PDB file of all heavy atoms in Angstrom:
ATOM      1  N   CYS A   1       1.836  13.858 -10.653  1.00  0.00           N
ATOM      2  CA  CYS A   1       1.659  13.780  -9.199  1.00  0.00           C
ATOM      3  C   CYS A   1       0.914  12.512  -8.807  1.00  0.00           C
ATOM      4  O   CYS A   1       1.246  11.848  -7.820  1.00  0.00           O
ATOM      5  CB  CYS A   1       0.921  15.015  -8.692  1.00  0.00           C
ATOM      6  SG  CYS A   1       1.886  16.540  -8.754  1.00  0.00           S
ATOM      7  N   ALA A   2      -0.117  12.169  -9.581  1.00  0.00           N
ATOM      8  CA  ALA A   2      -0.880  10.949  -9.304  1.00  0.00           C
ATOM      9  C   ALA A   2      -0.001   9.718  -9.484  1.00  0.00           C
ATOM     10  O   ALA A   2      -0.079   8.762  -8.696  1.00  0.00           O
ATOM     11  CB  ALA A   2      -2.099  10.877 -10.213  1.00  0.00           C
ATOM     12  N   CYS A   3       0.839   9.726 -10.508  1.00  0.00           N
ATOM     13  CA  CYS A   3       1.760   8.604 -10.713  1.00  0.00           C
ATOM     14  C   CYS A   3       2.703   8.445  -9.530  1.00  0.00           C
ATOM     15  O   CYS A   3       3.023   7.318  -9.112  1.00  0.00           O
ATOM     16  CB  CYS A   3       2.565   8.814 -11.993  1.00  0.00           C
ATOM     17  SG  CYS A   3       1.646   8.528 -13.519  1.00  0.00           S
ATOM     18  N   ASP A   4       3.156   9.566  -8.983  1.00  0.00           N
ATOM     19  CA  ASP A   4       4.058   9.496  -7.838  1.00  0.00           C
ATOM     20  C   ASP A   4       3.336   8.952  -6.607  1.00  0.00           C
ATOM     21  O   ASP A   4       3.914   8.188  -5.825  1.00  0.00           O
ATOM     22  CB  ASP A   4       4.648  10.874  -7.550  1.00  0.00           C
ATOM     23  CG  ASP A   4       5.963  10.793  -6.787  1.00  0.00           C
ATOM     24  OD1 ASP A   4       6.776   9.903  -7.095  1.00  0.00           O
ATOM     25  OD2 ASP A   4       6.159  11.604  -5.871  1.00  0.00           O
ATOM     26  N   ALA A   5       2.062   9.333  -6.448  1.00  0.00           N
ATOM     27  CA  ALA A   5       1.276   8.765  -5.353  1.00  0.00           C
ATOM     28  C   ALA A   5       1.098   7.261  -5.546  1.00  0.00           C
ATOM     29  O   ALA A   5       1.186   6.483  -4.588  1.00  0.00           O
ATOM     30  CB  ALA A   5      -0.079   9.458  -5.276  1.00  0.00           C
ATOM     31  N   PHE A   6       0.861   6.845  -6.780  1.00  0.00           N
ATOM     32  CA  PHE A   6       0.701   5.418  -7.062  1.00  0.00           C
ATOM     33  C   PHE A   6       2.000   4.661  -6.772  1.00  0.00           C
ATOM     34  O   PHE A   6       1.968   3.548  -6.240  1.00  0.00           O
ATOM     35  CB  PHE A   6       0.279   5.201  -8.511  1.00  0.00           C
ATOM     36  CG  PHE A   6       0.031   3.770  -8.867  1.00  0.00           C
ATOM     37  CD1 PHE A   6      -1.124   3.128  -8.456  1.00  0.00           C
ATOM     38  CD2 PHE A   6       0.964   3.052  -9.592  1.00  0.00           C
ATOM     39  CE1 PHE A   6      -1.354   1.790  -8.770  1.00  0.00           C
ATOM     40  CE2 PHE A   6       0.750   1.715  -9.915  1.00  0.00           C
ATOM     41  CZ  PHE A   6      -0.418   1.092  -9.502  1.00  0.00           C
ATOM     42  N   ARG A   7       3.145   5.276  -7.100  1.00  0.00           N
ATOM     43  CA  ARG A   7       4.432   4.657  -6.770  1.00  0.00           C
ATOM     44  C   ARG A   7       4.545   4.429  -5.263  1.00  0.00           C
ATOM     45  O   ARG A   7       4.933   3.335  -4.812  1.00  0.00           O
ATOM     46  CB  ARG A   7       5.571   5.566  -7.240  1.00  0.00           C
ATOM     47  CG  ARG A   7       6.962   5.107  -6.787  1.00  0.00           C
ATOM     48  CD  ARG A   7       8.005   6.206  -6.963  1.00  0.00           C
ATOM     49  NE  ARG A   7       7.686   7.417  -6.221  1.00  0.00           N
ATOM     50  CZ  ARG A   7       7.866   7.570  -4.917  1.00  0.00           C
ATOM     51  NH1 ARG A   7       8.376   6.584  -4.186  1.00  0.00           N
ATOM     52  NH2 ARG A   7       7.545   8.715  -4.324  1.00  0.00           N
ATOM     53  N   LEU A   8       4.164   5.433  -4.486  1.00  0.00           N
ATOM     54  CA  LEU A   8       4.237   5.299  -3.036  1.00  0.00           C
ATOM     55  C   LEU A   8       3.269   4.232  -2.537  1.00  0.00           C
ATOM     56  O   LEU A   8       3.598   3.456  -1.631  1.00  0.00           O
ATOM     57  CB  LEU A   8       3.936   6.650  -2.378  1.00  0.00           C
ATOM     58  CG  LEU A   8       3.954   6.682  -0.851  1.00  0.00           C
ATOM     59  CD1 LEU A   8       5.277   6.178  -0.291  1.00  0.00           C
ATOM     60  CD2 LEU A   8       3.683   8.108  -0.354  1.00  0.00           C
ATOM     61  N   PHE A   9       2.093   4.176  -3.132  1.00  0.00           N
ATOM     62  CA  PHE A   9       1.120   3.140  -2.767  1.00  0.00           C
ATOM     63  C   PHE A   9       1.704   1.754  -2.998  1.00  0.00           C
ATOM     64  O   PHE A   9       1.636   0.877  -2.119  1.00  0.00           O
ATOM     65  CB  PHE A   9      -0.159   3.327  -3.583  1.00  0.00           C
ATOM     66  CG  PHE A   9      -1.098   2.154  -3.556  1.00  0.00           C
ATOM     67  CD1 PHE A   9      -1.815   1.838  -2.411  1.00  0.00           C
ATOM     68  CD2 PHE A   9      -1.277   1.361  -4.688  1.00  0.00           C
ATOM     69  CE1 PHE A   9      -2.687   0.749  -2.385  1.00  0.00           C
ATOM     70  CE2 PHE A   9      -2.141   0.279  -4.674  1.00  0.00           C
ATOM     71  CZ  PHE A   9      -2.850  -0.029  -3.515  1.00  0.00           C
ATOM     72  N   MET A  10       2.283   1.527  -4.172  1.00  0.00           N
ATOM     73  CA  MET A  10       2.837   0.218  -4.497  1.00  0.00           C
ATOM     74  C   MET A  10       3.995  -0.137  -3.571  1.00  0.00           C
ATOM     75  O   MET A  10       4.112  -1.280  -3.114  1.00  0.00           O
ATOM     76  CB  MET A  10       3.291   0.198  -5.957  1.00  0.00           C
ATOM     77  CG  MET A  10       2.154   0.331  -6.960  1.00  0.00           C
ATOM     78  SD  MET A  10       0.971  -1.034  -6.877  1.00  0.00           S
ATOM     79  CE  MET A  10       1.960  -2.372  -7.527  1.00  0.00           C
ATOM     80  N   GLU A  11       4.833   0.834  -3.287  1.00  0.00           N
ATOM     81  CA  GLU A  11       5.961   0.574  -2.387  1.00  0.00           C
ATOM     82  C   GLU A  11       5.466   0.258  -0.975  1.00  0.00           C
ATOM     83  O   GLU A  11       6.015  -0.619  -0.300  1.00  0.00           O
ATOM     84  CB  GLU A  11       6.894   1.784  -2.361  1.00  0.00           C
ATOM     85  CG  GLU A  11       7.671   1.977  -3.661  1.00  0.00           C
ATOM     86  CD  GLU A  11       8.511   3.247  -3.647  1.00  0.00           C
ATOM     87  OE1 GLU A  11       8.433   4.004  -2.638  1.00  0.00           O
ATOM     88  OE2 GLU A  11       9.218   3.504  -4.635  1.00  0.00           O
ATOM     89  N   SER A  12       4.426   0.968  -0.536  1.00  0.00           N
ATOM     90  CA  SER A  12       3.943   0.770   0.835  1.00  0.00           C
ATOM     91  C   SER A  12       3.305  -0.600   1.024  1.00  0.00           C
ATOM     92  O   SER A  12       3.518  -1.250   2.052  1.00  0.00           O
ATOM     93  CB  SER A  12       2.955   1.882   1.214  1.00  0.00           C
ATOM     94  OG  SER A  12       1.752   1.776   0.478  1.00  0.00           O
ATOM     95  N   ILE A  13       2.548  -1.066   0.039  1.00  0.00           N
ATOM     96  CA  ILE A  13       1.899  -2.368   0.220  1.00  0.00           C
ATOM     97  C   ILE A  13       2.860  -3.530  -0.023  1.00  0.00           C
ATOM     98  O   ILE A  13       2.576  -4.665   0.361  1.00  0.00           O
ATOM     99  CB  ILE A  13       0.641  -2.513  -0.664  1.00  0.00           C
ATOM    100  CG1 ILE A  13       0.983  -2.474  -2.156  1.00  0.00           C
ATOM    101  CG2 ILE A  13      -0.393  -1.465  -0.316  1.00  0.00           C
ATOM    102  CD1 ILE A  13      -0.207  -2.803  -3.059  1.00  0.00           C
ATOM    103  N   ALA A  14       4.000  -3.224  -0.657  1.00  0.00           N
ATOM    104  CA  ALA A  14       5.005  -4.271  -0.865  1.00  0.00           C
ATOM    105  C   ALA A  14       5.985  -4.359   0.290  1.00  0.00           C
ATOM    106  O   ALA A  14       6.769  -5.311   0.373  1.00  0.00           O
ATOM    107  CB  ALA A  14       5.771  -4.007  -2.160  1.00  0.00           C
ATOM    108  N   GLY A  15       5.947  -3.372   1.200  1.00  0.00           N
ATOM    109  CA  GLY A  15       6.917  -3.318   2.281  1.00  0.00           C
ATOM    110  C   GLY A  15       6.603  -4.280   3.419  1.00  0.00           C
ATOM    111  O   GLY A  15       5.483  -4.788   3.563  1.00  0.00           O
ATOM    112  N   ALA A  16       7.619  -4.502   4.259  1.00  0.00           N
ATOM    113  CA  ALA A  16       7.481  -5.455   5.370  1.00  0.00           C
ATOM    114  C   ALA A  16       6.419  -5.008   6.367  1.00  0.00           C
ATOM    115  O   ALA A  16       5.727  -5.850   6.965  1.00  0.00           O
ATOM    116  CB  ALA A  16       8.830  -5.608   6.074  1.00  0.00           C
ATOM    117  N   ARG A  17       6.266  -3.698   6.545  1.00  0.00           N
ATOM    118  CA  ARG A  17       5.296  -3.208   7.525  1.00  0.00           C
ATOM    119  C   ARG A  17       3.879  -3.621   7.162  1.00  0.00           C
ATOM    120  O   ARG A  17       3.124  -4.120   7.996  1.00  0.00           O
ATOM    121  CB  ARG A  17       5.402  -1.683   7.617  1.00  0.00           C
ATOM    122  CG  ARG A  17       4.619  -1.091   8.786  1.00  0.00           C
ATOM    123  CD  ARG A  17       4.835   0.408   8.858  1.00  0.00           C
ATOM    124  NE  ARG A  17       4.090   0.997   9.955  1.00  0.00           N
ATOM    125  CZ  ARG A  17       3.932   2.301  10.130  1.00  0.00           C
ATOM    126  NH1 ARG A  17       4.496   3.161   9.270  1.00  0.00           N
ATOM    127  NH2 ARG A  17       3.221   2.759  11.159  1.00  0.00           N
ATOM    128  N   PHE A  18       3.511  -3.434   5.876  1.00  0.00           N
ATOM    129  CA  PHE A  18       2.162  -3.824   5.500  1.00  0.00           C
ATOM    130  C   PHE A  18       2.032  -5.329   5.348  1.00  0.00           C
ATOM    131  O   PHE A  18       0.958  -5.884   5.613  1.00  0.00           O
ATOM    132  CB  PHE A  18       1.708  -3.139   4.208  1.00  0.00           C
ATOM    133  CG  PHE A  18       0.281  -3.488   3.853  1.00  0.00           C
ATOM    134  CD1 PHE A  18      -0.770  -3.016   4.626  1.00  0.00           C
ATOM    135  CD2 PHE A  18      -0.005  -4.330   2.783  1.00  0.00           C
ATOM    136  CE1 PHE A  18      -2.083  -3.364   4.334  1.00  0.00           C
ATOM    137  CE2 PHE A  18      -1.312  -4.669   2.489  1.00  0.00           C
ATOM    138  CZ  PHE A  18      -2.360  -4.177   3.261  1.00  0.00           C
ATOM    139  N   ARG A  19       3.080  -6.016   4.938  1.00  0.00           N
ATOM    140  CA  ARG A  19       2.980  -7.472   4.820  1.00  0.00           C
ATOM    141  C   ARG A  19       2.596  -8.091   6.166  1.00  0.00           C
ATOM    142  O   ARG A  19       1.782  -9.016   6.223  1.00  0.00           O
ATOM    143  CB  ARG A  19       4.297  -8.061   4.319  1.00  0.00           C
ATOM    144  CG  ARG A  19       4.566  -7.816   2.844  1.00  0.00           C
ATOM    145  CD  ARG A  19       5.565  -8.809   2.278  1.00  0.00           C
ATOM    146  NE  ARG A  19       6.808  -8.841   3.034  1.00  0.00           N
ATOM    147  CZ  ARG A  19       7.858  -8.050   2.790  1.00  0.00           C
ATOM    148  NH1 ARG A  19       7.801  -7.163   1.813  1.00  0.00           N
ATOM    149  NH2 ARG A  19       8.958  -8.158   3.509  1.00  0.00           N
ATOM    150  N   ALA A  20       3.165  -7.556   7.248  1.00  0.00           N
ATOM    151  CA  ALA A  20       2.816  -8.078   8.580  1.00  0.00           C
ATOM    152  C   ALA A  20       1.358  -7.791   8.915  1.00  0.00           C
ATOM    153  O   ALA A  20       0.667  -8.626   9.507  1.00  0.00           O
ATOM    154  CB  ALA A  20       3.734  -7.453   9.635  1.00  0.00           C
ATOM    155  N   LEU A  21       0.879  -6.622   8.498  1.00  0.00           N
ATOM    156  CA  LEU A  21      -0.522  -6.280   8.746  1.00  0.00           C
ATOM    157  C   LEU A  21      -1.450  -7.116   7.864  1.00  0.00           C
ATOM    158  O   LEU A  21      -2.513  -7.567   8.317  1.00  0.00           O
ATOM    159  CB  LEU A  21      -0.750  -4.787   8.489  1.00  0.00           C
ATOM    160  CG  LEU A  21      -0.080  -3.840   9.484  1.00  0.00           C
ATOM    161  CD1 LEU A  21      -0.105  -2.403   8.965  1.00  0.00           C
ATOM    162  CD2 LEU A  21      -0.771  -3.924  10.843  1.00  0.00           C
ATOM    163  N   ARG A  22      -1.048  -7.320   6.623  1.00  0.00           N
ATOM    164  CA  ARG A  22      -1.867  -8.146   5.733  1.00  0.00           C
ATOM    165  C   ARG A  22      -2.000  -9.563   6.277  1.00  0.00           C
ATOM    166  O   ARG A  22      -3.075 -10.168   6.222  1.00  0.00           O
ATOM    167  CB  ARG A  22      -1.259  -8.175   4.320  1.00  0.00           C
ATOM    168  CG  ARG A  22      -2.179  -8.828   3.278  1.00  0.00           C
ATOM    169  CD  ARG A  22      -1.422  -9.164   2.008  1.00  0.00           C
ATOM    170  NE  ARG A  22      -0.990  -7.988   1.284  1.00  0.00           N
ATOM    171  CZ  ARG A  22      -1.726  -7.370   0.357  1.00  0.00           C
ATOM    172  NH1 ARG A  22      -2.948  -7.793   0.087  1.00  0.00           N
ATOM    173  NH2 ARG A  22      -1.234  -6.327  -0.278  1.00  0.00           N
ATOM    174  N   ASP A  23      -0.919 -10.090   6.839  1.00  0.00           N
ATOM    175  CA  ASP A  23      -0.963 -11.428   7.426  1.00  0.00           C
ATOM    176  C   ASP A  23      -1.946 -11.498   8.593  1.00  0.00           C
ATOM    177  O   ASP A  23      -2.482 -12.574   8.899  1.00  0.00           O
ATOM    178  CB  ASP A  23       0.430 -11.838   7.900  1.00  0.00           C
ATOM    179  CG  ASP A  23       1.388 -12.115   6.747  1.00  0.00           C
ATOM    180  OD1 ASP A  23       0.908 -12.282   5.616  1.00  0.00           O
ATOM    181  OD2 ASP A  23       2.616 -12.133   6.992  1.00  0.00           O
ATOM    182  N   ALA A  24      -2.188 -10.338   9.220  1.00  0.00           N
ATOM    183  CA  ALA A  24      -3.142 -10.277  10.336  1.00  0.00           C
ATOM    184  C   ALA A  24      -4.556  -9.938   9.865  1.00  0.00           C
ATOM    185  O   ALA A  24      -5.456  -9.774  10.693  1.00  0.00           O
ATOM    186  CB  ALA A  24      -2.681  -9.251  11.365  1.00  0.00           C
ATOM    187  N   GLY A  25      -4.746  -9.830   8.521  1.00  0.00           N
ATOM    188  CA  GLY A  25      -6.087  -9.614   7.977  1.00  0.00           C
ATOM    189  C   GLY A  25      -6.342  -8.251   7.393  1.00  0.00           C
ATOM    190  O   GLY A  25      -7.458  -7.968   6.933  1.00  0.00           O
ATOM    191  N   ALA A  26      -5.338  -7.365   7.371  1.00  0.00           N
ATOM    192  CA  ALA A  26      -5.559  -5.992   6.900  1.00  0.00           C
ATOM    193  C   ALA A  26      -5.759  -5.931   5.388  1.00  0.00           C
ATOM    194  O   ALA A  26      -5.207  -6.736   4.631  1.00  0.00           O
ATOM    195  CB  ALA A  26      -4.384  -5.107   7.295  1.00  0.00           C
ATOM    196  N   ARG A  27      -6.535  -4.949   4.979  1.00  0.00           N
ATOM    197  CA  ARG A  27      -6.729  -4.655   3.556  1.00  0.00           C
ATOM    198  C   ARG A  27      -5.840  -3.473   3.175  1.00  0.00           C
ATOM    199  O   ARG A  27      -5.565  -2.608   4.012  1.00  0.00           O
ATOM    200  CB  ARG A  27      -8.186  -4.273   3.270  1.00  0.00           C
ATOM    201  CG  ARG A  27      -9.225  -5.294   3.689  1.00  0.00           C
ATOM    202  CD  ARG A  27     -10.614  -4.681   3.550  1.00  0.00           C
ATOM    203  NE  ARG A  27     -11.645  -5.492   4.177  1.00  0.00           N
ATOM    204  CZ  ARG A  27     -12.421  -6.355   3.539  1.00  0.00           C
ATOM    205  NH1 ARG A  27     -12.276  -6.527   2.238  1.00  0.00           N
ATOM    206  NH2 ARG A  27     -13.341  -7.040   4.189  1.00  0.00           N
ATOM    207  N   PRO A  28      -5.424  -3.367   1.909  1.00  0.00           N
ATOM    208  CA  PRO A  28      -4.675  -2.173   1.488  1.00  0.00           C
ATOM    209  C   PRO A  28      -5.584  -0.950   1.497  1.00  0.00           C
ATOM    210  O   PRO A  28      -6.799  -1.064   1.309  1.00  0.00           O
ATOM    211  CB  PRO A  28      -4.216  -2.516   0.073  1.00  0.00           C
ATOM    212  CG  PRO A  28      -5.170  -3.565  -0.391  1.00  0.00           C
ATOM    213  CD  PRO A  28      -5.572  -4.344   0.815  1.00  0.00           C
ATOM    214  N   GLN A  29      -4.992   0.198   1.740  1.00  0.00           N
ATOM    215  CA  GLN A  29      -5.726   1.471   1.663  1.00  0.00           C
ATOM    216  C   GLN A  29      -5.650   1.936   0.209  1.00  0.00           C
ATOM    217  O   GLN A  29      -4.685   2.550  -0.226  1.00  0.00           O
ATOM    218  CB  GLN A  29      -5.087   2.494   2.598  1.00  0.00           C
ATOM    219  CG  GLN A  29      -5.803   3.836   2.649  1.00  0.00           C
ATOM    220  CD  GLN A  29      -5.015   4.869   3.425  1.00  0.00           C
ATOM    221  OE1 GLN A  29      -3.825   5.066   3.170  1.00  0.00           O
ATOM    222  NE2 GLN A  29      -5.655   5.534   4.381  1.00  0.00           N
ATOM    223  N   ARG A  30      -6.702   1.643  -0.539  1.00  0.00           N
ATOM    224  CA  ARG A  30      -6.661   1.929  -1.970  1.00  0.00           C
ATOM    225  C   ARG A  30      -6.663   3.433  -2.257  1.00  0.00           C
ATOM    226  O   ARG A  30      -7.251   4.222  -1.519  1.00  0.00           O
ATOM    227  CB  ARG A  30      -7.847   1.276  -2.685  1.00  0.00           C
ATOM    228  CG  ARG A  30      -7.745  -0.231  -2.763  1.00  0.00           C
ATOM    229  CD  ARG A  30      -8.759  -0.797  -3.737  1.00  0.00           C
ATOM    230  NE  ARG A  30     -10.130  -0.625  -3.269  1.00  0.00           N
ATOM    231  CZ  ARG A  30     -11.205  -0.806  -4.036  1.00  0.00           C
ATOM    232  NH1 ARG A  30     -11.076  -1.137  -5.301  1.00  0.00           N
ATOM    233  NH2 ARG A  30     -12.419  -0.662  -3.526  1.00  0.00           N
ATOM    234  N   LEU A  31      -6.027   3.792  -3.359  1.00  0.00           N
ATOM    235  CA  LEU A  31      -6.065   5.173  -3.843  1.00  0.00           C
ATOM    236  C   LEU A  31      -7.339   5.409  -4.633  1.00  0.00           C
ATOM    237  O   LEU A  31      -7.738   4.578  -5.466  1.00  0.00           O
ATOM    238  CB  LEU A  31      -4.863   5.462  -4.734  1.00  0.00           C
ATOM    239  CG  LEU A  31      -3.581   5.944  -4.051  1.00  0.00           C
ATOM    240  CD1 LEU A  31      -2.419   5.875  -5.029  1.00  0.00           C
ATOM    241  CD2 LEU A  31      -3.758   7.366  -3.527  1.00  0.00           C
ATOM    242  N   VAL A  32      -7.958   6.557  -4.390  1.00  0.00           N
ATOM    243  CA  VAL A  32      -9.099   7.022  -5.177  1.00  0.00           C
ATOM    244  C   VAL A  32      -8.636   8.205  -6.012  1.00  0.00           C
ATOM    245  O   VAL A  32      -8.096   9.183  -5.479  1.00  0.00           O
ATOM    246  CB  VAL A  32     -10.263   7.469  -4.265  1.00  0.00           C
ATOM    247  CG1 VAL A  32     -11.414   8.020  -5.104  1.00  0.00           C
ATOM    248  CG2 VAL A  32     -10.746   6.326  -3.390  1.00  0.00           C
ATOM    249  N   TRP A  33      -8.843   8.135  -7.322  1.00  0.00           N
ATOM    250  CA  TRP A  33      -8.565   9.295  -8.177  1.00  0.00           C
ATOM    251  C   TRP A  33      -9.812  10.175  -8.164  1.00  0.00           C
ATOM    252  O   TRP A  33     -10.854   9.799  -8.695  1.00  0.00           O
ATOM    253  CB  TRP A  33      -8.219   8.866  -9.595  1.00  0.00           C
ATOM    254  CG  TRP A  33      -7.108   7.862  -9.676  1.00  0.00           C
ATOM    255  CD1 TRP A  33      -7.149   6.648 -10.285  1.00  0.00           C
ATOM    256  CD2 TRP A  33      -5.783   7.980  -9.126  1.00  0.00           C
ATOM    257  NE1 TRP A  33      -5.942   5.996 -10.149  1.00  0.00           N
ATOM    258  CE2 TRP A  33      -5.088   6.792  -9.434  1.00  0.00           C
ATOM    259  CE3 TRP A  33      -5.124   8.966  -8.392  1.00  0.00           C
ATOM    260  CZ2 TRP A  33      -3.762   6.575  -9.047  1.00  0.00           C
ATOM    261  CZ3 TRP A  33      -3.812   8.740  -7.998  1.00  0.00           C
ATOM    262  CH2 TRP A  33      -3.137   7.564  -8.329  1.00  0.00           C
TER     263      TRP A  33
END
C-alpha cells in the first residue's frame, strides 16, 4: 500500500499540474511513513 502511495506521489509531482505550481515556487507535499 505504501509503495502504491509512493507511485502516486511520483506521478503527481511529475505531472503538468504540479510543474506549473513548482514554477510559481511550490514545494512538493512529501509523504511521511
